Amino acid sequence: MRRESRPGLPRVAGRLAAWLTGAALVLLAAPAPGGTLYQETLERSDWTRVEIDDLCRLEQRVRHGGSLQFETRPGLAVRAFWDPPYPVPGRSQAPLETGAPEWLPGDGPAPLSLMLRAGPDDRFRVPDDRVQALKARLLAGHDVRIGFPDGEDIVHFRGIRFGRRVEGFRICQAEQGMAEGAPEAGDGTARERWVVYFDSGRTALDGEARATLDRVVAALDGVEGPRLRVIGLTDAEGPDRVNRRISQQRAETVRDALGEAGLGTADIEIEAGGVAPGVEDESRDARRAEIWWVGERGSSGSGPQGEDPAPEAARDADPAGDVPAAPQPVEPGDGTAW
């Protein structure tokens, strides 16, 4: 990895914008006081598939710069995050911009510029309606740079080899399949899922359940009109009529608690799911309420305020299929000068 100094301009967003002009890749790499550009060599810049339980992730890591991640779970849309190398205090934002490296032909998609927002897990999340556009840029060969919100540093992720690794990500998604009982959102997948558990026959929230709801509220902080679906479920013990009533009450309890925490109950749909799918006995995991974030009220799919939305073709394309991968340079070590 190279740690390279670069000129310090008034704002990180302004510094990143300079990268999108002409030979900015060369200019930003020139040693100068101000901040540090974290990046790996081309040989070390690759994307790795990670599978953890039901999670599928494709990521690139940069030493001292964190990782750029695309991930999904059954029933959820693909999400994108920057996981910084250390926790950043406060509800921070970080600028992200894409740009074509100098070897790439100049007829590709326009650069993408957006802001990432810190979440409760210390990762910075790409706005959900811009994830497809970001993946389309990477498939077209763009690189990504993200400005640290608490200083002058920038991390550089390379799009090289993204197109070669995304097929493995698709295979992982297909193997995981859809979650049983997952609700259908507008695009067929939800954005996030949380689970609250209950004691046998009970509908009251315990401390662990309330902590989960606190995480829900924190994750949705700043989201305009989030739409939620709460599905109450039970184990298989007892009559179906009783289980249906308990599942309804569990969903209502969660909805009311979220409403008390400041979320609009008019945008929270509840469902009495009865016995959890696939359960035939008394199981604690079945005694739950699932909270699905299925979108936003009146969402138009446009970019964040102050941003031009991505071109429709780039925004809506399937990053693993419809957009052809950019021509890639010869792999390092094959004799091609970098």
C-alpha atoms as a PDB file:
ATOM      1  CA  MET A   1       0.000   0.000   0.000  1.00  0.00           C
ATOM      2  CA  ARG A   2       1.106   3.529  -0.740  1.00  0.00           C
ATOM      3  CA  ARG A   3       0.450   6.381   1.698  1.00  0.00           C
ATOM      4  CA  GLU A   4       0.648   9.507  -0.415  1.00  0.00           C
ATOM      5  CA  SER A   5       0.293  13.099   0.643  1.00  0.00           C
ATOM      6  CA  ARG A   6      -1.924  15.328  -1.417  1.00  0.00           C
ATOM      7  CA  PRO A   7      -2.931  19.010  -1.522  1.00  0.00           C
ATOM      8  CA  GLY A   8      -5.264  20.170   1.263  1.00  0.00           C
ATOM      9  CA  LEU A   9      -8.241  22.130  -0.127  1.00  0.00           C
ATOM     10  CA  PRO A  10     -10.972  23.744   1.983  1.00  0.00           C
ATOM     11  CA  ARG A  11     -13.446  20.876   1.853  1.00  0.00           C
ATOM     12  CA  VAL A  12     -13.146  17.162   1.193  1.00  0.00           C
ATOM     13  CA  ALA A  13     -15.963  17.301  -1.343  1.00  0.00           C
ATOM     14  CA  GLY A  14     -14.081  19.951  -3.294  1.00  0.00           C
ATOM     15  CA  ARG A  15     -10.909  17.888  -3.248  1.00  0.00           C
ATOM     16  CA  LEU A  16     -12.768  14.876  -4.555  1.00  0.00           C
ATOM     17  CA  ALA A  17     -14.362  16.911  -7.324  1.00  0.00           C
ATOM     18  CA  ALA A  18     -10.907  17.782  -8.630  1.00  0.00           C
ATOM     19  CA  TRP A  19     -10.306  14.075  -9.195  1.00  0.00           C
ATOM     20  CA  LEU A  20     -12.922  14.062 -11.931  1.00  0.00           C
ATOM     21  CA  THR A  21     -10.983  16.453 -14.161  1.00  0.00           C
ATOM     22  CA  GLY A  22      -8.453  15.447 -16.807  1.00  0.00           C
ATOM     23  CA  ALA A  23      -5.294  14.018 -15.261  1.00  0.00           C
ATOM     24  CA  ALA A  24      -6.502  14.402 -11.672  1.00  0.00           C
ATOM     25  CA  LEU A  25      -5.430  10.878 -10.802  1.00  0.00           C
ATOM     26  CA  VAL A  26      -1.843  11.941 -11.368  1.00  0.00           C
ATOM     27  CA  LEU A  27      -2.245  15.285  -9.585  1.00  0.00           C
ATOM     28  CA  LEU A  28      -3.810  13.783  -6.468  1.00  0.00           C
ATOM     29  CA  ALA A  29      -1.032  11.214  -6.234  1.00  0.00           C
ATOM     30  CA  ALA A  30       1.675  13.871  -6.120  1.00  0.00           C
ATOM     31  CA  PRO A  31       3.250  14.268  -2.647  1.00  0.00           C
ATOM     32  CA  ALA A  32       2.030  17.433  -0.882  1.00  0.00           C
ATOM     33  CA  PRO A  33       1.103  18.475   2.662  1.00  0.00           C
ATOM     34  CA  GLY A  34      -2.469  18.250   3.891  1.00  0.00           C
ATOM     35  CA  GLY A  35      -3.832  14.724   3.911  1.00  0.00           C
ATOM     36  CA  THR A  36      -3.131  11.131   3.015  1.00  0.00           C
ATOM     37  CA  LEU A  37      -4.405   9.149   0.052  1.00  0.00           C
ATOM     38  CA  TYR A  38      -4.836   5.506   1.045  1.00  0.00           C
ATOM     39  CA  GLN A  39      -4.768   3.044  -1.823  1.00  0.00           C
ATOM     40  CA  GLU A  40      -3.447  -0.368  -2.730  1.00  0.00           C
ATOM     41  CA  THR A  41      -1.310  -1.161  -5.748  1.00  0.00           C
ATOM     42  CA  LEU A  42      -3.088  -2.530  -8.802  1.00  0.00           C
ATOM     43  CA  GLU A  43      -1.709  -5.973  -8.020  1.00  0.00           C
ATOM     44  CA  ARG A  44      -3.322  -5.947  -4.565  1.00  0.00           C
ATOM     45  CA  SER A  45      -6.599  -4.294  -5.604  1.00  0.00           C
ATOM     46  CA  ASP A  46      -9.192  -7.030  -5.851  1.00  0.00           C
ATOM     47  CA  TRP A  47     -12.695  -7.881  -4.690  1.00  0.00           C
ATOM     48  CA  THR A  48     -13.338 -10.716  -2.265  1.00  0.00           C
ATOM     49  CA  ARG A  49     -16.539 -12.683  -1.739  1.00  0.00           C
ATOM     50  CA  VAL A  50     -17.435 -13.249   1.917  1.00  0.00           C
ATOM     51  CA  GLU A  51     -20.165 -15.604   3.174  1.00  0.00           C
ATOM     52  CA  ILE A  52     -21.200 -15.396   6.844  1.00  0.00           C
ATOM     53  CA  ASP A  53     -24.261 -17.487   7.744  1.00  0.00           C
ATOM     54  CA  ASP A  54     -26.959 -16.116   5.410  1.00  0.00           C
ATOM     55  CA  LEU A  55     -24.990 -12.999   4.408  1.00  0.00           C
ATOM     56  CA  CYS A  56     -23.356 -12.600   0.991  1.00  0.00           C
ATOM     57  CA  ARG A  57     -20.778  -9.814   0.660  1.00  0.00           C
ATOM     58  CA  LEU A  58     -18.424  -8.551  -2.045  1.00  0.00           C
ATOM     59  CA  GLU A  59     -15.753  -6.214  -0.706  1.00  0.00           C
ATOM     60  CA  GLN A  60     -12.444  -4.519  -1.415  1.00  0.00           C
ATOM     61  CA  ARG A  61     -10.146  -3.640   1.479  1.00  0.00           C
ATOM     62  CA  VAL A  62      -7.517  -0.924   1.641  1.00  0.00           C
ATOM     63  CA  ARG A  63      -5.094  -0.858   4.548  1.00  0.00           C
ATOM     64  CA  HIS A  64      -5.811   2.104   6.839  1.00  0.00           C
ATOM     65  CA  GLY A  65      -8.724   3.015   4.538  1.00  0.00           C
ATOM     66  CA  GLY A  66     -11.364   0.459   5.470  1.00  0.00           C
ATOM     67  CA  SER A  67     -13.459  -1.513   3.001  1.00  0.00           C
ATOM     68  CA  LEU A  68     -16.106  -0.866   0.347  1.00  0.00           C
ATOM     69  CA  GLN A  69     -18.833  -3.494   0.701  1.00  0.00           C
ATOM     70  CA  PHE A  70     -21.844  -4.742  -1.231  1.00  0.00           C
ATOM     71  CA  GLU A  71     -23.983  -7.193   0.705  1.00  0.00           C
ATOM     72  CA  THR A  72     -27.357  -8.837   0.925  1.00  0.00           C
ATOM     73  CA  ARG A  73     -29.338 -11.351   2.956  1.00  0.00           C
ATOM     74  CA  PRO A  74     -32.344 -13.453   1.925  1.00  0.00           C
ATOM     75  CA  GLY A  75     -35.302 -11.204   1.190  1.00  0.00           C
ATOM     76  CA  LEU A  76     -33.220  -8.003   1.225  1.00  0.00           C
ATOM     77  CA  ALA A  77     -32.038  -5.787  -1.593  1.00  0.00           C
ATOM     78  CA  VAL A  78     -28.310  -5.368  -2.179  1.00  0.00           C
ATOM     79  CA  ARG A  79     -26.885  -2.653   0.078  1.00  0.00           C
ATOM     80  CA  ALA A  80     -23.555  -0.847  -0.064  1.00  0.00           C
ATOM     81  CA  PHE A  81     -21.375   0.469   2.760  1.00  0.00           C
ATOM     82  CA  TRP A  82     -18.030   2.015   3.488  1.00  0.00           C
ATOM     83  CA  ASP A  83     -16.652   0.435   6.647  1.00  0.00           C
ATOM     84  CA  PRO A  84     -13.998   2.899   7.896  1.00  0.00           C
ATOM     85  CA  PRO A  85     -10.862   1.645   9.659  1.00  0.00           C
ATOM     86  CA  TYR A  86     -12.028   3.136  12.966  1.00  0.00           C
ATOM     87  CA  PRO A  87     -15.349   4.339  14.444  1.00  0.00           C
ATOM     88  CA  VAL A  88     -16.180   7.918  13.492  1.00  0.00           C
ATOM     89  CA  PRO A  89     -18.016   9.725  16.322  1.00  0.00           C
ATOM     90  CA  GLY A  90     -21.324  11.456  15.759  1.00  0.00           C
ATOM     91  CA  ARG A  91     -23.851  11.229  12.945  1.00  0.00           C
ATOM     92  CA  SER A  92     -21.308  11.993  10.252  1.00  0.00           C
ATOM     93  CA  GLN A  93     -21.472  12.046   6.481  1.00  0.00           C
ATOM     94  CA  ALA A  94     -18.752  11.147   4.010  1.00  0.00           C
ATOM     95  CA  PRO A  95     -18.526  12.217   0.330  1.00  0.00           C
ATOM     96  CA  LEU A  96     -18.144   9.530  -2.331  1.00  0.00           C
ATOM     97  CA  GLU A  97     -17.272  10.111  -5.968  1.00  0.00           C
ATOM     98  CA  THR A  98     -16.480   7.829  -8.865  1.00  0.00           C
ATOM     99  CA  GLY A  99     -14.174   8.534 -11.780  1.00  0.00           C
ATOM    100  CA  ALA A 100     -12.693   6.698 -14.732  1.00  0.00           C
ATOM    101  CA  PRO A 101      -8.976   5.795 -14.516  1.00  0.00           C
ATOM    102  CA  GLU A 102      -6.794   7.107 -17.298  1.00  0.00           C
ATOM    103  CA  TRP A 103      -6.614   3.784 -19.168  1.00  0.00           C
ATOM    104  CA  LEU A 104     -10.422   3.648 -19.599  1.00  0.00           C
ATOM    105  CA  PRO A 105     -12.055   5.029 -22.783  1.00  0.00           C
ATOM    106  CA  GLY A 106     -13.897   8.284 -22.204  1.00  0.00           C
ATOM    107  CA  ASP A 107     -17.306   7.164 -23.522  1.00  0.00           C
ATOM    108  CA  GLY A 108     -18.530   5.471 -20.324  1.00  0.00           C
ATOM    109  CA  PRO A 109     -21.153   6.613 -17.801  1.00  0.00           C
ATOM    110  CA  ALA A 110     -20.909  10.000 -16.132  1.00  0.00           C
ATOM    111  CA  PRO A 111     -19.166  10.143 -12.741  1.00  0.00           C
ATOM    112  CA  LEU A 112     -21.340   9.637  -9.690  1.00  0.00           C
ATOM    113  CA  SER A 113     -21.288  11.933  -6.653  1.00  0.00           C
ATOM    114  CA  LEU A 114     -23.181  11.257  -3.433  1.00  0.00           C
ATOM    115  CA  MET A 115     -23.021  11.452   0.355  1.00  0.00           C
ATOM    116  CA  LEU A 116     -22.784   8.458   2.672  1.00  0.00           C
ATOM    117  CA  ARG A 117     -24.490   8.575   6.065  1.00  0.00           C
ATOM    118  CA  ALA A 118     -23.141   6.917   9.194  1.00  0.00           C
ATOM    119  CA  GLY A 119     -25.320   4.181  10.652  1.00  0.00           C
ATOM    120  CA  PRO A 120     -25.608   2.645  14.118  1.00  0.00           C
ATOM    121  CA  ASP A 121     -23.102  -0.085  13.200  1.00  0.00           C
ATOM    122  CA  ASP A 122     -20.387   2.548  12.473  1.00  0.00           C
ATOM    123  CA  ARG A 123     -20.549   1.884   8.735  1.00  0.00           C
ATOM    124  CA  PHE A 124     -21.422   4.572   6.187  1.00  0.00           C
ATOM    125  CA  ARG A 125     -24.338   3.531   3.990  1.00  0.00           C
ATOM    126  CA  VAL A 126     -24.790   4.349   0.331  1.00  0.00           C
ATOM    127  CA  PRO A 127     -28.327   5.708  -0.250  1.00  0.00           C
ATOM    128  CA  ASP A 128     -30.400   2.719  -1.288  1.00  0.00           C
ATOM    129  CA  ASP A 129     -31.660   4.354  -4.469  1.00  0.00           C
ATOM    130  CA  ARG A 130     -28.058   4.922  -5.625  1.00  0.00           C
ATOM    131  CA  VAL A 131     -26.633   1.436  -5.029  1.00  0.00           C
ATOM    132  CA  GLN A 132     -27.469   0.240  -8.541  1.00  0.00           C
ATOM    133  CA  ALA A 133     -25.871   3.347 -10.041  1.00  0.00           C
ATOM    134  CA  LEU A 134     -22.696   2.828  -8.014  1.00  0.00           C
ATOM    135  CA  LYS A 135     -22.442  -0.808  -9.086  1.00  0.00           C
ATOM    136  CA  ALA A 136     -23.012   0.164 -12.704  1.00  0.00           C
ATOM    137  CA  ARG A 137     -20.054   2.592 -12.482  1.00  0.00           C
ATOM    138  CA  LEU A 138     -17.813  -0.094 -11.019  1.00  0.00           C
ATOM    139  CA  LEU A 139     -18.839  -2.510 -13.766  1.00  0.00           C
ATOM    140  CA  ALA A 140     -17.956   0.184 -16.281  1.00  0.00           C
ATOM    141  CA  GLY A 141     -14.460   0.395 -14.764  1.00  0.00           C
ATOM    142  CA  HIS A 142     -14.777   3.463 -12.542  1.00  0.00           C
ATOM    143  CA  ASP A 143     -12.746   3.821  -9.362  1.00  0.00           C
ATOM    144  CA  VAL A 144     -14.244   5.118  -6.105  1.00  0.00           C
ATOM    145  CA  ARG A 145     -12.865   7.664  -3.669  1.00  0.00           C
ATOM    146  CA  ILE A 146     -14.322   8.441  -0.258  1.00  0.00           C
ATOM    147  CA  GLY A 147     -13.350  11.356   1.964  1.00  0.00           C
ATOM    148  CA  PHE A 148     -12.871  10.776   5.682  1.00  0.00           C
ATOM    149  CA  PRO A 149     -15.443  12.951   7.508  1.00  0.00           C
ATOM    150  CA  ASP A 150     -13.100  13.803  10.380  1.00  0.00           C
ATOM    151  CA  GLY A 151     -10.007  14.904   8.478  1.00  0.00           C
ATOM    152  CA  GLU A 152      -8.209  15.464   5.194  1.00  0.00           C
ATOM    153  CA  ASP A 153      -7.652  11.829   4.236  1.00  0.00           C
ATOM    154  CA  ILE A 154      -9.120  10.012   1.235  1.00  0.00           C
ATOM    155  CA  VAL A 155      -9.379   6.296   0.470  1.00  0.00           C
ATOM    156  CA  HIS A 156      -9.220   5.042  -3.115  1.00  0.00           C
ATOM    157  CA  PHE A 157     -10.973   1.811  -4.151  1.00  0.00           C
ATOM    158  CA  ARG A 158     -10.305   0.436  -7.628  1.00  0.00           C
ATOM    159  CA  GLY A 159     -13.019  -0.870  -9.932  1.00  0.00           C
ATOM    160  CA  ILE A 160     -10.583  -3.219 -11.666  1.00  0.00           C
ATOM    161  CA  ARG A 161     -11.739  -6.868 -11.446  1.00  0.00           C
ATOM    162  CA  PHE A 162     -15.183  -5.935 -10.051  1.00  0.00           C
ATOM    163  CA  GLY A 163     -16.848  -7.323 -13.176  1.00  0.00           C
ATOM    164  CA  ARG A 164     -14.929 -10.571 -12.823  1.00  0.00           C
ATOM    165  CA  ARG A 165     -15.949 -11.134  -9.207  1.00  0.00           C
ATOM    166  CA  VAL A 166     -19.607 -10.109  -9.327  1.00  0.00           C
ATOM    167  CA  GLU A 167     -20.681 -13.455 -10.802  1.00  0.00           C
ATOM    168  CA  GLY A 168     -19.602 -15.179  -7.591  1.00  0.00           C
ATOM    169  CA  PHE A 169     -21.744 -12.688  -5.682  1.00  0.00           C
ATOM    170  CA  ARG A 170     -24.731 -13.610  -7.856  1.00  0.00           C
ATOM    171  CA  ILE A 171     -24.147 -17.305  -7.202  1.00  0.00           C
ATOM    172  CA  CYS A 172     -24.092 -16.658  -3.456  1.00  0.00           C
ATOM    173  CA  GLN A 173     -27.379 -14.738  -3.714  1.00  0.00           C
ATOM    174  CA  ALA A 174     -29.008 -17.545  -5.676  1.00  0.00           C
ATOM    175  CA  GLU A 175     -27.856 -20.160  -3.169  1.00  0.00           C
ATOM    176  CA  GLN A 176     -29.296 -18.171  -0.255  1.00  0.00           C
ATOM    177  CA  GLY A 177     -32.667 -17.719  -1.954  1.00  0.00           C
ATOM    178  CA  MET A 178     -35.565 -15.722  -0.514  1.00  0.00           C
ATOM    179  CA  ALA A 179     -36.464 -15.613   3.159  1.00  0.00           C
ATOM    180  CA  GLU A 180     -39.613 -17.562   4.037  1.00  0.00           C
ATOM    181  CA  GLY A 181     -42.476 -15.166   4.592  1.00  0.00           C
ATOM    182  CA  ALA A 182     -40.522 -12.137   3.342  1.00  0.00           C
ATOM    183  CA  PRO A 183     -42.852  -9.342   2.201  1.00  0.00           C
ATOM    184  CA  GLU A 184     -42.657  -8.048  -1.331  1.00  0.00           C
ATOM    185  CA  ALA A 185     -41.487  -4.452  -1.593  1.00  0.00           C
ATOM    186  CA  GLY A 186     -41.860  -2.255  -4.631  1.00  0.00           C
ATOM    187  CA  ASP A 187     -38.791  -3.766  -6.271  1.00  0.00           C
ATOM    188  CA  GLY A 188     -39.393  -7.275  -4.937  1.00  0.00           C
ATOM    189  CA  THR A 189     -36.975  -6.993  -2.022  1.00  0.00           C
ATOM    190  CA  ALA A 190     -36.934  -5.143   1.293  1.00  0.00           C
ATOM    191  CA  ARG A 191     -34.136  -2.851   2.433  1.00  0.00           C
ATOM    192  CA  GLU A 192     -33.594  -4.133   5.969  1.00  0.00           C
ATOM    193  CA  ARG A 193     -34.980  -6.630   8.464  1.00  0.00           C
ATOM    194  CA  TRP A 194     -34.980  -6.733  12.274  1.00  0.00           C
ATOM    195  CA  VAL A 195     -36.395  -9.391  14.609  1.00  0.00           C
ATOM    196  CA  VAL A 196     -37.938  -8.955  18.065  1.00  0.00           C
ATOM    197  CA  TYR A 197     -38.407 -12.078  20.217  1.00  0.00           C
ATOM    198  CA  PHE A 198     -41.088 -12.830  22.827  1.00  0.00           C
ATOM    199  CA  ASP A 199     -41.551 -15.236  25.721  1.00  0.00           C
ATOM    200  CA  SER A 200     -44.023 -18.094  25.284  1.00  0.00           C
ATOM    201  CA  GLY A 201     -47.589 -16.809  25.135  1.00  0.00           C
ATOM    202  CA  ARG A 202     -46.458 -13.238  25.850  1.00  0.00           C
ATOM    203  CA  THR A 203     -46.858 -10.062  23.832  1.00  0.00           C
ATOM    204  CA  ALA A 204     -44.891  -7.659  26.060  1.00  0.00           C
ATOM    205  CA  LEU A 205     -41.462  -6.323  25.091  1.00  0.00           C
ATOM    206  CA  ASP A 206     -38.487  -7.188  27.278  1.00  0.00           C
ATOM    207  CA  GLY A 207     -35.212  -5.273  27.518  1.00  0.00           C
ATOM    208  CA  GLU A 208     -33.624  -7.128  24.606  1.00  0.00           C
ATOM    209  CA  ALA A 209     -36.629  -6.428  22.390  1.00  0.00           C
ATOM    210  CA  ARG A 210     -36.592  -2.728  23.253  1.00  0.00           C
ATOM    211  CA  ALA A 211     -32.870  -2.578  22.458  1.00  0.00           C
ATOM    212  CA  THR A 212     -33.673  -3.999  19.012  1.00  0.00           C
ATOM    213  CA  LEU A 213     -36.331  -1.335  18.478  1.00  0.00           C
ATOM    214  CA  ASP A 214     -33.802   1.320  19.482  1.00  0.00           C
ATOM    215  CA  ARG A 215     -31.567   0.034  16.674  1.00  0.00           C
ATOM    216  CA  VAL A 216     -34.470   0.253  14.242  1.00  0.00           C
ATOM    217  CA  VAL A 217     -35.121   3.878  15.159  1.00  0.00           C
ATOM    218  CA  ALA A 218     -31.409   4.721  14.921  1.00  0.00           C
ATOM    219  CA  ALA A 219     -31.108   3.096  11.494  1.00  0.00           C
ATOM    220  CA  LEU A 220     -34.100   5.050  10.174  1.00  0.00           C
ATOM    221  CA  ASP A 221     -32.986   8.378  11.626  1.00  0.00           C
ATOM    222  CA  GLY A 222     -33.021  10.900   8.798  1.00  0.00           C
ATOM    223  CA  VAL A 223     -35.005   8.674   6.406  1.00  0.00           C
ATOM    224  CA  GLU A 224     -37.968  10.533   4.950  1.00  0.00           C
ATOM    225  CA  GLY A 225     -41.206   8.620   5.616  1.00  0.00           C
ATOM    226  CA  PRO A 226     -39.911   5.061   6.030  1.00  0.00           C
ATOM    227  CA  ARG A 227     -42.517   2.391   5.302  1.00  0.00           C
ATOM    228  CA  LEU A 228     -42.378  -0.653   7.559  1.00  0.00           C
ATOM    229  CA  ARG A 229     -44.166  -3.983   7.654  1.00  0.00           C
ATOM    230  CA  VAL A 230     -44.382  -5.792  10.992  1.00  0.00           C
ATOM    231  CA  ILE A 231     -45.289  -9.485  10.897  1.00  0.00           C
ATOM    232  CA  GLY A 232     -46.176 -11.154  14.193  1.00  0.00           C
ATOM    233  CA  LEU A 233     -45.419 -14.887  14.483  1.00  0.00           C
ATOM    234  CA  THR A 234     -45.774 -17.702  17.029  1.00  0.00           C
ATOM    235  CA  ASP A 235     -44.561 -21.240  17.628  1.00  0.00           C
ATOM    236  CA  ALA A 236     -46.772 -24.243  16.794  1.00  0.00           C
ATOM    237  CA  GLU A 237     -48.050 -24.891  20.318  1.00  0.00           C
ATOM    238  CA  GLY A 238     -51.760 -24.279  20.905  1.00  0.00           C
ATOM    239  CA  PRO A 239     -54.803 -23.772  18.662  1.00  0.00           C
ATOM    240  CA  ASP A 240     -54.392 -21.874  15.418  1.00  0.00           C
ATOM    241  CA  ARG A 241     -57.049 -19.345  16.478  1.00  0.00           C
ATOM    242  CA  VAL A 242     -55.072 -18.456  19.615  1.00  0.00           C
ATOM    243  CA  ASN A 243     -51.775 -18.266  17.747  1.00  0.00           C
ATOM    244  CA  ARG A 244     -53.312 -15.949  15.165  1.00  0.00           C
ATOM    245  CA  ARG A 245     -54.531 -13.610  17.920  1.00  0.00           C
ATOM    246  CA  ILE A 246     -51.150 -13.625  19.702  1.00  0.00           C
ATOM    247  CA  SER A 247     -49.305 -12.920  16.460  1.00  0.00           C
ATOM    248  CA  GLN A 248     -51.623  -9.958  15.811  1.00  0.00           C
ATOM    249  CA  GLN A 249     -50.995  -8.583  19.301  1.00  0.00           C
ATOM    250  CA  ARG A 250     -47.224  -8.946  18.913  1.00  0.00           C
ATOM    251  CA  ALA A 251     -47.305  -6.975  15.672  1.00  0.00           C
ATOM    252  CA  GLU A 252     -49.465  -4.291  17.303  1.00  0.00           C
ATOM    253  CA  THR A 253     -47.101  -4.064  20.290  1.00  0.00           C
ATOM    254  CA  VAL A 254     -44.115  -3.465  18.036  1.00  0.00           C
ATOM    255  CA  ARG A 255     -45.991  -0.932  15.901  1.00  0.00           C
ATOM    256  CA  ASP A 256     -47.120   1.031  18.945  1.00  0.00           C
ATOM    257  CA  ALA A 257     -43.613   1.042  20.453  1.00  0.00           C
ATOM    258  CA  LEU A 258     -42.139   2.328  17.198  1.00  0.00           C
ATOM    259  CA  GLY A 259     -44.828   5.001  17.102  1.00  0.00           C
ATOM    260  CA  GLU A 260     -43.957   6.100  20.628  1.00  0.00           C
ATOM    261  CA  ALA A 261     -40.327   6.360  19.499  1.00  0.00           C
ATOM    262  CA  GLY A 262     -41.289   8.861  16.804  1.00  0.00           C
ATOM    263  CA  LEU A 263     -41.989   6.774  13.703  1.00  0.00           C
ATOM    264  CA  GLY A 264     -45.308   7.425  11.978  1.00  0.00           C
ATOM    265  CA  THR A 265     -47.677   4.529  12.671  1.00  0.00           C
ATOM    266  CA  ALA A 266     -49.608   5.349   9.489  1.00  0.00           C
ATOM    267  CA  ASP A 267     -46.584   4.074   7.562  1.00  0.00           C
ATOM    268  CA  ILE A 268     -46.333   0.859   9.608  1.00  0.00           C
ATOM    269  CA  GLU A 269     -48.386  -2.011   8.232  1.00  0.00           C
ATOM    270  CA  ILE A 270     -49.012  -4.966  10.532  1.00  0.00           C
ATOM    271  CA  GLU A 271     -49.791  -8.575   9.716  1.00  0.00           C
ATOM    272  CA  ALA A 272     -50.853 -11.528  11.876  1.00  0.00           C
ATOM    273  CA  GLY A 273     -48.684 -14.280  10.462  1.00  0.00           C
ATOM    274  CA  GLY A 274     -49.788 -16.984  12.897  1.00  0.00           C
ATOM    275  CA  VAL A 275     -47.397 -19.917  13.207  1.00  0.00           C
ATOM    276  CA  ALA A 276     -43.947 -19.153  11.786  1.00  0.00           C
ATOM    277  CA  PRO A 277     -43.243 -20.889   8.449  1.00  0.00           C
ATOM    278  CA  GLY A 278     -41.656 -24.310   8.803  1.00  0.00           C
ATOM    279  CA  VAL A 279     -42.209 -24.551  12.579  1.00  0.00           C
ATOM    280  CA  GLU A 280     -43.871 -27.673  13.997  1.00  0.00           C
ATOM    281  CA  ASP A 281     -43.102 -27.430  17.723  1.00  0.00           C
ATOM    282  CA  GLU A 282     -42.356 -24.993  20.540  1.00  0.00           C
ATOM    283  CA  SER A 283     -39.428 -22.903  19.352  1.00  0.00           C
ATOM    284  CA  ARG A 284     -38.216 -19.651  20.868  1.00  0.00           C
ATOM    285  CA  ASP A 285     -37.005 -18.426  17.492  1.00  0.00           C
ATOM    286  CA  ALA A 286     -40.564 -18.747  16.188  1.00  0.00           C
ATOM    287  CA  ARG A 287     -41.995 -16.450  18.881  1.00  0.00           C
ATOM    288  CA  ARG A 288     -41.106 -13.221  17.170  1.00  0.00           C
ATOM    289  CA  ALA A 289     -42.118 -10.160  15.220  1.00  0.00           C
ATOM    290  CA  GLU A 290     -40.265  -9.367  12.011  1.00  0.00           C
ATOM    291  CA  ILE A 291     -39.793  -5.718  11.076  1.00  0.00           C
ATOM    292  CA  TRP A 292     -39.218  -5.179   7.365  1.00  0.00           C
ATOM    293  CA  TRP A 293     -38.199  -1.815   5.924  1.00  0.00           C
ATOM    294  CA  VAL A 294     -39.885  -1.894   2.515  1.00  0.00           C
ATOM    295  CA  GLY A 295     -39.255   1.643   1.236  1.00  0.00           C
ATOM    296  CA  GLU A 296     -40.233   5.271   1.764  1.00  0.00           C
ATOM    297  CA  ARG A 297     -43.534   7.046   1.458  1.00  0.00           C
ATOM    298  CA  GLY A 298     -43.882   8.590  -2.000  1.00  0.00           C
ATOM    299  CA  SER A 299     -40.360   7.598  -3.035  1.00  0.00           C
ATOM    300  CA  SER A 300     -39.660   8.650  -6.618  1.00  0.00           C
ATOM    301  CA  GLY A 301     -36.324   6.870  -6.962  1.00  0.00           C
ATOM    302  CA  SER A 302     -34.479  10.129  -7.604  1.00  0.00           C
ATOM    303  CA  GLY A 303     -31.156  10.953  -6.032  1.00  0.00           C
ATOM    304  CA  PRO A 304     -30.667  12.723  -2.717  1.00  0.00           C
ATOM    305  CA  GLN A 305     -31.520  16.389  -2.455  1.00  0.00           C
ATOM    306  CA  GLY A 306     -29.104  18.552  -4.385  1.00  0.00           C
ATOM    307  CA  GLU A 307     -27.966  15.690  -6.619  1.00  0.00           C
ATOM    308  CA  ASP A 308     -28.762  14.944 -10.207  1.00  0.00           C
ATOM    309  CA  PRO A 309     -30.202  11.446 -10.447  1.00  0.00           C
ATOM    310  CA  ALA A 310     -28.102   8.892 -12.264  1.00  0.00           C
ATOM    311  CA  PRO A 311     -28.961   8.213 -15.907  1.00  0.00           C
ATOM    312  CA  GLU A 312     -31.907   5.810 -15.997  1.00  0.00           C
ATOM    313  CA  ALA A 313     -30.018   3.054 -17.769  1.00  0.00           C
ATOM    314  CA  ALA A 314     -27.190   3.155 -15.257  1.00  0.00           C
ATOM    315  CA  ARG A 315     -29.478   3.532 -12.256  1.00  0.00           C
ATOM    316  CA  ASP A 316     -31.825   0.659 -13.048  1.00  0.00           C
ATOM    317  CA  ALA A 317     -29.497  -1.832 -14.680  1.00  0.00           C
ATOM    318  CA  ASP A 318     -28.817  -5.166 -13.040  1.00  0.00           C
ATOM    319  CA  PRO A 319     -25.158  -4.812 -12.064  1.00  0.00           C
ATOM    320  CA  ALA A 320     -24.562  -8.504 -12.463  1.00  0.00           C
ATOM    321  CA  GLY A 321     -26.185  -8.905 -15.834  1.00  0.00           C
ATOM    322  CA  ASP A 322     -27.518  -6.079 -17.983  1.00  0.00           C
ATOM    323  CA  VAL A 323     -24.484  -3.762 -17.882  1.00  0.00           C
ATOM    324  CA  PRO A 324     -21.470  -5.214 -19.683  1.00  0.00           C
ATOM    325  CA  ALA A 325     -18.275  -5.128 -17.683  1.00  0.00           C
ATOM    326  CA  ALA A 326     -15.673  -2.645 -18.849  1.00  0.00           C
ATOM    327  CA  PRO A 327     -12.624  -3.903 -20.721  1.00  0.00           C
ATOM    328  CA  GLN A 328     -10.035  -4.685 -18.066  1.00  0.00           C
ATOM    329  CA  PRO A 329      -6.280  -4.133 -18.255  1.00  0.00           C
ATOM    330  CA  VAL A 330      -4.058  -7.172 -18.529  1.00  0.00           C
ATOM    331  CA  GLU A 331      -3.521  -8.738 -15.101  1.00  0.00           C
ATOM    332  CA  PRO A 332      -0.399  -7.492 -13.311  1.00  0.00           C
ATOM    333  CA  GLY A 333       2.601  -9.640 -14.081  1.00  0.00           C
ATOM    334  CA  ASP A 334       1.683 -10.243 -17.742  1.00  0.00           C
ATOM    335  CA  GLY A 335       4.244  -7.786 -19.005  1.00  0.00           C
ATOM    336  CA  THR A 336       1.998  -4.760 -19.467  1.00  0.00           C
ATOM    337  CA  ALA A 337       3.348  -1.471 -18.142  1.00  0.00           C
ATOM    338  CA  TRP A 338       1.097   0.119 -15.536  1.00  0.00           C
END
